[in-house]
Amino acid sequence: MLPKAVTRFRLPWMWNGQPVTLMSRTTDEKGTVQKTHADWVAQYAPRQNFHFSAIQSWAVDASGKVSNIYV
């Protein structure tokens, strides 16, 4: 992989039909891990989404609908 490249990943996971939150984060070549949304907001303006680089979260409800959420 190249630094600063979008990378597709897969995770073997069996959904049991219950609501769940999925989260993905990355670690760079220096070992720096993405911040949580709360840490990002504490450092920058609350609605600052330009170059937003916090952990990405998705909610899956019982019907299987997937939504982008902030945790």
Protein backbone atom coordinates (compact mmCIF):
# COMPACT_ATOMS: atom_id res chain seq x y z
CA MET A 1 0.00 0.00 0.00
CA LEU A 2 1.02 3.55 -0.62
CA PRO A 3 0.83 6.28 2.01
CA LYS A 4 -2.26 8.50 1.67
CA ALA A 5 -4.00 6.01 -0.62
CA VAL A 6 -7.59 4.86 -0.36
CA THR A 7 -7.53 1.18 0.53
CA ARG A 8 -10.40 -1.26 0.32
CA PHE A 9 -10.62 -3.75 3.16
CA ARG A 10 -12.79 -6.73 4.06
CA LEU A 11 -13.69 -8.19 7.40
CA PRO A 12 -15.29 -11.60 7.80
CA TRP A 13 -18.36 -10.93 9.94
CA MET A 14 -21.72 -12.62 10.38
CA TRP A 15 -24.55 -10.20 11.18
CA ASN A 16 -27.07 -11.68 13.64
CA GLY A 17 -29.89 -9.25 12.76
CA GLN A 18 -29.42 -7.09 15.85
CA PRO A 19 -28.65 -3.34 15.68
CA VAL A 20 -24.90 -2.78 15.64
CA THR A 21 -22.34 -0.01 15.18
CA LEU A 22 -19.40 -0.66 12.85
CA MET A 23 -16.31 1.51 13.13
CA SER A 24 -13.18 1.69 11.00
CA ARG A 25 -9.97 3.52 11.63
CA THR A 26 -6.52 3.61 10.17
CA THR A 27 -2.97 3.81 11.40
CA ASP A 28 -0.34 5.62 9.36
CA GLU A 29 3.28 4.62 8.79
CA LYS A 30 4.31 6.53 11.95
CA GLY A 31 1.83 4.64 14.12
CA THR A 32 -0.62 7.54 14.49
CA VAL A 33 -4.21 6.34 14.89
CA GLN A 34 -7.26 8.32 13.75
CA LYS A 35 -9.06 10.26 16.48
CA THR A 36 -12.58 9.62 17.69
CA HIS A 37 -15.23 12.11 16.57
CA ALA A 38 -15.30 13.62 20.09
CA ASP A 39 -11.52 14.16 20.04
CA TRP A 40 -11.76 15.70 16.57
CA VAL A 41 -14.50 18.14 17.67
CA ALA A 42 -12.49 19.09 20.77
CA GLN A 43 -9.50 20.01 18.57
CA TYR A 44 -11.37 21.70 15.71
CA ALA A 45 -14.67 23.53 15.22
CA PRO A 46 -17.73 21.31 15.87
CA ARG A 47 -19.01 21.49 12.28
CA GLN A 48 -15.57 21.45 10.61
CA ASN A 49 -15.87 18.67 8.04
CA PHE A 50 -13.20 19.82 5.57
CA HIS A 51 -10.37 17.28 5.76
CA PHE A 52 -12.38 15.42 8.39
CA SER A 53 -10.22 12.51 9.49
CA ALA A 54 -11.86 10.88 12.49
CA ILE A 55 -12.83 7.24 12.94
CA GLN A 56 -15.67 6.39 10.54
CA SER A 57 -18.81 4.87 12.09
CA TRP A 58 -21.90 3.24 10.61
CA ALA A 59 -25.08 2.11 12.35
CA VAL A 60 -26.87 -0.99 11.07
CA ASP A 61 -30.45 -1.21 12.35
CA ALA A 62 -32.52 -4.39 12.76
CA SER A 63 -33.94 -4.03 9.23
CA GLY A 64 -30.43 -3.89 7.76
CA LYS A 65 -30.47 -0.16 6.95
CA VAL A 66 -26.96 1.36 7.16
CA SER A 67 -26.47 4.98 8.26
CA ASN A 68 -23.42 7.16 8.77
CA ILE A 69 -23.24 8.19 12.44
CA TYR A 70 -20.90 10.07 14.77
CA VAL A 71 -19.79 8.18 17.87
